[in-house]
Amino acid sequence: MSSPKQVIVIGAGIIGASIAWHLTKAGAGVTVVSGSGAGGVATPNSFAWINASWGNPEIYFRLRIRAMAEWTRLAKDVPGLPLAWCGGLCFDLPPDRLEAYAAEHSSWGYGIERVDAKRAGEIEPNLVAPPDFAVYVAEEGVAEP
């Protein structure tokens, strides 16, 4: 009978943590080495937005949709995983560019809702001046690093 593999993972950000978790599930003995502690460097300094939005070709959009599904699956495997499926409200482009984005991603099957100022304010009540036009995707979320 062979002993379990011993693996050293360098880095404790989202990628290192995922590698360590999967190796442990597969039966390996894992040691994580990180000078910055849990969460790594990049991960806690990112917004950690889980989405399939913005400026990529359709094939990359499909990859990101798959990643969103994997986050959902992972949340079932790891109870208490700090995820919030709060949706994403976007209004940082001129209306014509925002509409072009919405049309493209809607044609790919992304659940985009076009919203006015009233609806934007309902979605995000802390906005001082809700935008006249925004897009909202209820299926987007964030991971707390």
N, C-alpha and C. Protein backbone atom coordinates (compact mmCIF):
# COMPACT_ATOMS: atom_id res chain seq x y z
N MET A 1 0.85 -1.17 0.00
CA MET A 1 0.00 0.00 0.00
C MET A 1 0.90 1.24 0.00
N SER A 2 0.68 2.15 -0.93
CA SER A 2 1.52 3.34 -1.02
C SER A 2 0.99 4.44 -0.10
N SER A 3 1.93 5.29 0.35
CA SER A 3 1.52 6.40 1.21
C SER A 3 0.98 7.53 0.34
N PRO A 4 0.17 8.41 0.94
CA PRO A 4 -0.38 9.51 0.15
C PRO A 4 0.72 10.43 -0.37
N LYS A 5 0.49 11.01 -1.50
CA LYS A 5 1.43 11.97 -2.07
C LYS A 5 1.50 13.18 -1.16
N GLN A 6 2.68 13.76 -1.03
CA GLN A 6 2.88 14.98 -0.27
C GLN A 6 3.14 16.10 -1.27
N VAL A 7 2.36 17.18 -1.18
CA VAL A 7 2.43 18.26 -2.16
C VAL A 7 2.58 19.59 -1.43
N ILE A 8 3.43 20.45 -1.97
CA ILE A 8 3.55 21.81 -1.46
C ILE A 8 2.90 22.74 -2.48
N VAL A 9 1.98 23.58 -2.03
CA VAL A 9 1.33 24.57 -2.88
C VAL A 9 1.87 25.93 -2.47
N ILE A 10 2.39 26.67 -3.44
CA ILE A 10 2.91 28.00 -3.17
C ILE A 10 1.81 29.02 -3.46
N GLY A 11 1.39 29.74 -2.43
CA GLY A 11 0.37 30.77 -2.58
C GLY A 11 -0.95 30.34 -1.98
N ALA A 12 -1.61 31.26 -1.29
CA ALA A 12 -2.87 30.96 -0.63
C ALA A 12 -4.01 31.84 -1.14
N GLY A 13 -3.87 32.34 -2.37
CA GLY A 13 -4.96 33.07 -2.99
C GLY A 13 -6.02 32.09 -3.49
N ILE A 14 -6.92 32.56 -4.31
CA ILE A 14 -8.02 31.72 -4.78
C ILE A 14 -7.51 30.51 -5.57
N ILE A 15 -6.47 30.69 -6.36
CA ILE A 15 -5.95 29.57 -7.15
C ILE A 15 -5.22 28.57 -6.26
N GLY A 16 -4.32 29.06 -5.40
CA GLY A 16 -3.61 28.16 -4.49
C GLY A 16 -4.56 27.43 -3.56
N ALA A 17 -5.54 28.15 -3.03
CA ALA A 17 -6.51 27.53 -2.13
C ALA A 17 -7.32 26.46 -2.86
N SER A 18 -7.71 26.73 -4.08
CA SER A 18 -8.47 25.75 -4.86
C SER A 18 -7.62 24.51 -5.14
N ILE A 19 -6.37 24.73 -5.54
CA ILE A 19 -5.49 23.58 -5.81
C ILE A 19 -5.32 22.75 -4.55
N ALA A 20 -5.05 23.41 -3.42
CA ALA A 20 -4.85 22.69 -2.16
C ALA A 20 -6.11 21.91 -1.78
N TRP A 21 -7.27 22.53 -1.93
CA TRP A 21 -8.53 21.87 -1.57
C TRP A 21 -8.76 20.63 -2.42
N HIS A 22 -8.58 20.78 -3.74
CA HIS A 22 -8.81 19.64 -4.64
C HIS A 22 -7.81 18.52 -4.40
N LEU A 23 -6.55 18.86 -4.16
CA LEU A 23 -5.55 17.83 -3.86
C LEU A 23 -5.87 17.09 -2.57
N THR A 24 -6.31 17.83 -1.56
CA THR A 24 -6.69 17.22 -0.29
C THR A 24 -7.87 16.28 -0.49
N LYS A 25 -8.86 16.72 -1.25
CA LYS A 25 -10.02 15.86 -1.54
C LYS A 25 -9.60 14.58 -2.25
N ALA A 26 -8.52 14.68 -3.05
CA ALA A 26 -8.03 13.52 -3.80
C ALA A 26 -7.12 12.64 -2.94
N GLY A 27 -6.89 13.03 -1.68
CA GLY A 27 -6.13 12.19 -0.76
C GLY A 27 -4.68 12.58 -0.54
N ALA A 28 -4.24 13.66 -1.12
CA ALA A 28 -2.85 14.09 -0.94
C ALA A 28 -2.69 14.79 0.41
N GLY A 29 -1.47 14.72 0.92
CA GLY A 29 -1.10 15.54 2.07
C GLY A 29 -0.60 16.87 1.52
N VAL A 30 -1.19 17.97 1.94
CA VAL A 30 -0.89 19.27 1.33
C VAL A 30 -0.36 20.24 2.38
N THR A 31 0.70 20.93 2.01
CA THR A 31 1.22 22.04 2.79
C THR A 31 1.15 23.28 1.92
N VAL A 32 0.52 24.34 2.44
CA VAL A 32 0.42 25.60 1.70
C VAL A 32 1.46 26.56 2.28
N VAL A 33 2.26 27.14 1.39
CA VAL A 33 3.28 28.11 1.78
C VAL A 33 2.91 29.45 1.16
N SER A 34 2.75 30.46 2.02
CA SER A 34 2.38 31.78 1.52
C SER A 34 2.94 32.84 2.44
N GLY A 35 3.68 33.76 1.88
CA GLY A 35 4.21 34.86 2.67
C GLY A 35 3.16 35.86 3.09
N SER A 36 2.02 35.86 2.43
CA SER A 36 0.99 36.86 2.70
C SER A 36 -0.16 36.34 3.54
N GLY A 37 -0.20 35.07 3.83
CA GLY A 37 -1.29 34.52 4.62
C GLY A 37 -2.48 34.14 3.75
N ALA A 38 -3.53 33.65 4.40
CA ALA A 38 -4.72 33.20 3.69
C ALA A 38 -5.30 34.32 2.85
N GLY A 39 -5.67 34.00 1.65
CA GLY A 39 -6.23 34.99 0.74
C GLY A 39 -5.22 35.50 -0.25
N GLY A 40 -3.93 35.25 -0.02
CA GLY A 40 -2.91 35.69 -0.96
C GLY A 40 -2.79 37.20 -1.03
N VAL A 41 -2.30 37.67 -2.17
CA VAL A 41 -2.11 39.10 -2.39
C VAL A 41 -3.18 39.65 -3.33
N ALA A 42 -3.31 39.05 -4.50
CA ALA A 42 -4.26 39.56 -5.50
C ALA A 42 -5.70 39.36 -5.06
N THR A 43 -6.01 38.19 -4.54
CA THR A 43 -7.40 37.85 -4.22
C THR A 43 -8.07 38.84 -3.27
N PRO A 44 -7.46 39.18 -2.12
CA PRO A 44 -8.17 40.10 -1.23
C PRO A 44 -8.19 41.54 -1.72
N ASN A 45 -7.41 41.84 -2.74
CA ASN A 45 -7.39 43.19 -3.29
C ASN A 45 -8.24 43.31 -4.55
N SER A 46 -8.95 42.25 -4.89
CA SER A 46 -9.82 42.30 -6.07
C SER A 46 -11.26 42.44 -5.61
N PHE A 47 -12.09 42.79 -6.54
CA PHE A 47 -13.52 42.89 -6.26
C PHE A 47 -14.15 41.50 -6.15
N ALA A 48 -13.49 40.49 -6.75
CA ALA A 48 -13.96 39.11 -6.71
C ALA A 48 -15.36 38.95 -7.30
N TRP A 49 -15.61 39.65 -8.37
CA TRP A 49 -16.90 39.63 -9.05
C TRP A 49 -17.02 38.35 -9.87
N ILE A 50 -18.06 37.60 -9.67
CA ILE A 50 -18.32 36.36 -10.40
C ILE A 50 -19.32 36.69 -11.49
N ASN A 51 -18.85 36.71 -12.73
CA ASN A 51 -19.69 37.18 -13.83
C ASN A 51 -19.16 36.67 -15.17
N ALA A 52 -19.90 36.92 -16.21
CA ALA A 52 -19.48 36.61 -17.57
C ALA A 52 -19.62 37.86 -18.44
N SER A 53 -19.34 38.99 -17.85
CA SER A 53 -19.57 40.28 -18.50
C SER A 53 -18.36 40.78 -19.26
N TRP A 54 -18.63 41.69 -20.14
CA TRP A 54 -17.69 42.65 -20.71
C TRP A 54 -16.62 42.18 -21.67
N GLY A 55 -16.68 42.77 -22.84
CA GLY A 55 -15.63 42.88 -23.82
C GLY A 55 -14.82 41.67 -24.20
N ASN A 56 -15.37 40.50 -24.11
CA ASN A 56 -14.63 39.32 -24.52
C ASN A 56 -15.39 38.61 -25.63
N PRO A 57 -14.67 37.81 -26.41
CA PRO A 57 -15.38 37.05 -27.46
C PRO A 57 -16.32 36.01 -26.83
N GLU A 58 -17.23 35.53 -27.63
CA GLU A 58 -18.25 34.60 -27.12
C GLU A 58 -17.63 33.36 -26.50
N ILE A 59 -16.56 32.84 -27.05
CA ILE A 59 -15.97 31.61 -26.49
C ILE A 59 -15.48 31.84 -25.06
N TYR A 60 -14.94 33.04 -24.79
CA TYR A 60 -14.50 33.36 -23.43
C TYR A 60 -15.70 33.59 -22.52
N PHE A 61 -16.76 34.16 -23.07
CA PHE A 61 -18.01 34.30 -22.33
C PHE A 61 -18.50 32.93 -21.87
N ARG A 62 -18.45 31.93 -22.77
CA ARG A 62 -18.90 30.57 -22.44
C ARG A 62 -18.06 29.97 -21.31
N LEU A 63 -16.75 30.23 -21.33
CA LEU A 63 -15.87 29.75 -20.27
C LEU A 63 -16.27 30.38 -18.93
N ARG A 64 -16.57 31.67 -18.95
CA ARG A 64 -16.94 32.36 -17.71
C ARG A 64 -18.31 31.91 -17.20
N ILE A 65 -19.22 31.57 -18.09
CA ILE A 65 -20.52 31.00 -17.68
C ILE A 65 -20.26 29.68 -16.96
N ARG A 66 -19.36 28.89 -17.51
CA ARG A 66 -19.01 27.61 -16.88
C ARG A 66 -18.41 27.86 -15.49
N ALA A 67 -17.56 28.88 -15.37
CA ALA A 67 -16.96 29.20 -14.07
C ALA A 67 -18.03 29.60 -13.07
N MET A 68 -19.03 30.34 -13.51
CA MET A 68 -20.13 30.72 -12.61
C MET A 68 -20.84 29.47 -12.09
N ALA A 69 -21.06 28.49 -12.97
CA ALA A 69 -21.70 27.24 -12.57
C ALA A 69 -20.82 26.48 -11.58
N GLU A 70 -19.51 26.54 -11.79
CA GLU A 70 -18.59 25.86 -10.87
C GLU A 70 -18.61 26.51 -9.49
N TRP A 71 -18.75 27.83 -9.41
CA TRP A 71 -18.87 28.50 -8.11
C TRP A 71 -20.13 28.00 -7.40
N THR A 72 -21.21 27.83 -8.14
CA THR A 72 -22.45 27.33 -7.55
C THR A 72 -22.25 25.92 -7.01
N ARG A 73 -21.57 25.09 -7.81
CA ARG A 73 -21.29 23.71 -7.38
C ARG A 73 -20.40 23.71 -6.14
N LEU A 74 -19.36 24.53 -6.15
CA LEU A 74 -18.43 24.59 -5.03
C LEU A 74 -19.14 25.01 -3.75
N ALA A 75 -20.08 25.93 -3.85
CA ALA A 75 -20.82 26.38 -2.67
C ALA A 75 -21.60 25.22 -2.04
N LYS A 76 -22.04 24.26 -2.84
CA LYS A 76 -22.73 23.08 -2.30
C LYS A 76 -21.74 22.15 -1.60
N ASP A 77 -20.51 22.07 -2.14
CA ASP A 77 -19.48 21.20 -1.56
C ASP A 77 -18.83 21.79 -0.32
N VAL A 78 -18.84 23.10 -0.19
CA VAL A 78 -18.18 23.78 0.93
C VAL A 78 -19.21 24.66 1.64
N PRO A 79 -19.94 24.09 2.57
CA PRO A 79 -20.94 24.88 3.30
C PRO A 79 -20.29 26.09 3.97
N GLY A 80 -20.97 27.20 3.92
CA GLY A 80 -20.46 28.42 4.53
C GLY A 80 -19.49 29.20 3.67
N LEU A 81 -19.25 28.73 2.44
CA LEU A 81 -18.37 29.46 1.53
C LEU A 81 -18.95 30.87 1.37
N PRO A 82 -18.15 31.90 1.59
CA PRO A 82 -18.70 33.26 1.58
C PRO A 82 -18.95 33.80 0.17
N LEU A 83 -20.08 33.41 -0.39
CA LEU A 83 -20.51 33.89 -1.70
C LEU A 83 -21.81 34.66 -1.53
N ALA A 84 -21.97 35.66 -2.35
CA ALA A 84 -23.23 36.41 -2.36
C ALA A 84 -23.67 36.56 -3.81
N TRP A 85 -24.78 35.95 -4.14
CA TRP A 85 -25.34 36.07 -5.49
C TRP A 85 -26.28 37.28 -5.49
N CYS A 86 -25.67 38.44 -5.46
CA CYS A 86 -26.39 39.70 -5.28
C CYS A 86 -26.74 40.39 -6.60
N GLY A 87 -26.25 39.85 -7.71
CA GLY A 87 -26.49 40.49 -9.00
C GLY A 87 -25.50 41.60 -9.27
N GLY A 88 -25.41 41.99 -10.52
CA GLY A 88 -24.51 43.06 -10.92
C GLY A 88 -25.27 44.15 -11.67
N LEU A 89 -25.11 45.38 -11.21
CA LEU A 89 -25.74 46.54 -11.83
C LEU A 89 -24.64 47.36 -12.49
N CYS A 90 -24.74 47.56 -13.80
CA CYS A 90 -23.68 48.26 -14.53
C CYS A 90 -24.24 49.49 -15.25
N PHE A 91 -23.50 50.59 -15.12
CA PHE A 91 -23.92 51.83 -15.79
C PHE A 91 -22.72 52.72 -16.05
N ASP A 92 -21.56 52.13 -16.24
CA ASP A 92 -20.34 52.92 -16.38
C ASP A 92 -19.91 53.15 -17.83
N LEU A 93 -20.83 52.98 -18.76
CA LEU A 93 -20.57 53.25 -20.17
C LEU A 93 -21.64 54.20 -20.69
N PRO A 94 -21.34 54.88 -21.79
CA PRO A 94 -22.40 55.68 -22.43
C PRO A 94 -23.56 54.76 -22.85
N PRO A 95 -24.78 55.27 -22.85
CA PRO A 95 -25.95 54.42 -23.14
C PRO A 95 -25.85 53.60 -24.42
N ASP A 96 -25.28 54.17 -25.50
CA ASP A 96 -25.21 53.40 -26.75
C ASP A 96 -24.27 52.20 -26.60
N ARG A 97 -23.17 52.37 -25.91
CA ARG A 97 -22.24 51.25 -25.70
C ARG A 97 -22.81 50.23 -24.73
N LEU A 98 -23.52 50.70 -23.73
CA LEU A 98 -24.16 49.80 -22.77
C LEU A 98 -25.25 48.98 -23.45
N GLU A 99 -26.00 49.60 -24.33
CA GLU A 99 -27.03 48.88 -25.09
C GLU A 99 -26.40 47.86 -26.03
N ALA A 100 -25.30 48.22 -26.68
CA ALA A 100 -24.61 47.27 -27.58
C ALA A 100 -24.13 46.06 -26.79
N TYR A 101 -23.56 46.29 -25.61
CA TYR A 101 -23.13 45.20 -24.74
C TYR A 101 -24.33 44.32 -24.37
N ALA A 102 -25.42 44.96 -23.94
CA ALA A 102 -26.61 44.23 -23.52
C ALA A 102 -27.18 43.39 -24.66
N ALA A 103 -27.23 43.96 -25.86
CA ALA A 103 -27.75 43.23 -27.01
C ALA A 103 -26.88 42.01 -27.33
N GLU A 104 -25.57 42.22 -27.34
CA GLU A 104 -24.66 41.11 -27.65
C GLU A 104 -24.79 39.99 -26.63
N HIS A 105 -24.66 40.32 -25.35
CA HIS A 105 -24.70 39.29 -24.32
C HIS A 105 -26.08 38.66 -24.16
N SER A 106 -27.13 39.42 -24.40
CA SER A 106 -28.48 38.85 -24.39
C SER A 106 -28.61 37.81 -25.50
N SER A 107 -28.04 38.10 -26.67
CA SER A 107 -28.12 37.14 -27.79
C SER A 107 -27.36 35.85 -27.47
N TRP A 108 -26.42 35.92 -26.53
CA TRP A 108 -25.67 34.73 -26.10
C TRP A 108 -26.36 33.99 -24.96
N GLY A 109 -27.50 34.54 -24.49
CA GLY A 109 -28.26 33.88 -23.44
C GLY A 109 -28.00 34.40 -22.03
N TYR A 110 -27.27 35.51 -21.91
CA TYR A 110 -27.01 36.07 -20.59
C TYR A 110 -28.26 36.80 -20.12
N GLY A 111 -28.64 36.62 -18.88
CA GLY A 111 -29.89 37.17 -18.35
C GLY A 111 -29.83 38.64 -18.02
N ILE A 112 -29.69 39.48 -19.02
CA ILE A 112 -29.56 40.92 -18.81
C ILE A 112 -30.94 41.58 -18.77
N GLU A 113 -31.13 42.39 -17.75
CA GLU A 113 -32.34 43.20 -17.63
C GLU A 113 -31.93 44.66 -17.82
N ARG A 114 -32.57 45.34 -18.75
CA ARG A 114 -32.34 46.78 -18.93
C ARG A 114 -33.22 47.50 -17.93
N VAL A 115 -32.61 48.43 -17.17
CA VAL A 115 -33.36 49.07 -16.10
C VAL A 115 -33.30 50.59 -16.19
N ASP A 116 -34.35 51.25 -15.68
CA ASP A 116 -34.39 52.71 -15.61
C ASP A 116 -33.95 53.15 -14.21
N ALA A 117 -33.99 54.44 -13.94
CA ALA A 117 -33.53 54.98 -12.66
C ALA A 117 -34.33 54.43 -11.49
N LYS A 118 -35.64 54.27 -11.66
CA LYS A 118 -36.46 53.76 -10.57
C LYS A 118 -36.04 52.35 -10.18
N ARG A 119 -35.89 51.48 -11.19
CA ARG A 119 -35.50 50.08 -10.93
C ARG A 119 -34.07 50.01 -10.40
N ALA A 120 -33.16 50.83 -10.94
CA ALA A 120 -31.78 50.85 -10.45
C ALA A 120 -31.75 51.21 -8.97
N GLY A 121 -32.59 52.16 -8.57
CA GLY A 121 -32.67 52.55 -7.18
C GLY A 121 -33.23 51.46 -6.29
N GLU A 122 -34.13 50.65 -6.83
CA GLU A 122 -34.66 49.51 -6.07
C GLU A 122 -33.58 48.45 -5.87
N ILE A 123 -32.81 48.22 -6.93
CA ILE A 123 -31.74 47.22 -6.86
C ILE A 123 -30.64 47.68 -5.91
N GLU A 124 -30.27 48.93 -6.01
CA GLU A 124 -29.19 49.48 -5.18
C GLU A 124 -29.68 50.76 -4.51
N PRO A 125 -30.34 50.62 -3.36
CA PRO A 125 -30.95 51.78 -2.71
C PRO A 125 -29.95 52.80 -2.16
N ASN A 126 -28.68 52.47 -2.11
CA ASN A 126 -27.69 53.42 -1.59
C ASN A 126 -27.13 54.36 -2.67
N LEU A 127 -27.60 54.22 -3.90
CA LEU A 127 -27.15 55.15 -4.94
C LEU A 127 -27.73 56.53 -4.68
N VAL A 128 -26.88 57.52 -4.68
CA VAL A 128 -27.34 58.90 -4.47
C VAL A 128 -28.14 59.37 -5.69
N ALA A 129 -27.63 59.07 -6.88
CA ALA A 129 -28.30 59.48 -8.12
C ALA A 129 -28.35 58.27 -9.06
N PRO A 130 -29.40 57.47 -8.97
CA PRO A 130 -29.50 56.30 -9.85
C PRO A 130 -29.43 56.72 -11.32
N PRO A 131 -28.79 55.91 -12.14
CA PRO A 131 -28.64 56.25 -13.56
C PRO A 131 -29.96 56.12 -14.31
N ASP A 132 -30.09 56.90 -15.36
CA ASP A 132 -31.30 56.81 -16.20
C ASP A 132 -31.39 55.48 -16.93
N PHE A 133 -30.22 54.88 -17.23
CA PHE A 133 -30.18 53.60 -17.94
C PHE A 133 -29.05 52.77 -17.39
N ALA A 134 -29.34 51.52 -17.06
CA ALA A 134 -28.34 50.58 -16.57
C ALA A 134 -28.74 49.18 -17.02
N VAL A 135 -27.83 48.25 -16.85
CA VAL A 135 -28.15 46.84 -17.08
C VAL A 135 -27.89 46.08 -15.79
N TYR A 136 -28.72 45.06 -15.58
CA TYR A 136 -28.65 44.28 -14.35
C TYR A 136 -28.67 42.80 -14.70
N VAL A 137 -27.77 42.04 -14.08
CA VAL A 137 -27.75 40.59 -14.24
C VAL A 137 -27.88 39.98 -12.85
N ALA A 138 -29.04 39.41 -12.57
CA ALA A 138 -29.34 38.88 -11.24
C ALA A 138 -28.45 37.70 -10.86
N GLU A 139 -27.92 36.97 -11.83
CA GLU A 139 -27.15 35.75 -11.56
C GLU A 139 -25.70 36.02 -11.18
N GLU A 140 -25.25 37.26 -11.23
CA GLU A 140 -23.87 37.57 -10.89
C GLU A 140 -23.70 37.64 -9.38
N GLY A 141 -22.47 37.51 -8.93
CA GLY A 141 -22.22 37.55 -7.50
C GLY A 141 -20.79 37.95 -7.17
N VAL A 142 -20.46 37.79 -5.90
CA VAL A 142 -19.12 38.08 -5.43
C VAL A 142 -18.68 36.98 -4.46
N ALA A 143 -17.37 36.76 -4.43
CA ALA A 143 -16.77 35.84 -3.47
C ALA A 143 -15.97 36.66 -2.48
N GLU A 144 -16.20 36.43 -1.22
CA GLU A 144 -15.43 37.15 -0.20
C GLU A 144 -14.06 36.47 -0.06
N PRO A 145 -12.99 37.18 -0.45
CA PRO A 145 -11.66 36.54 -0.43
C PRO A 145 -11.26 36.07 0.96
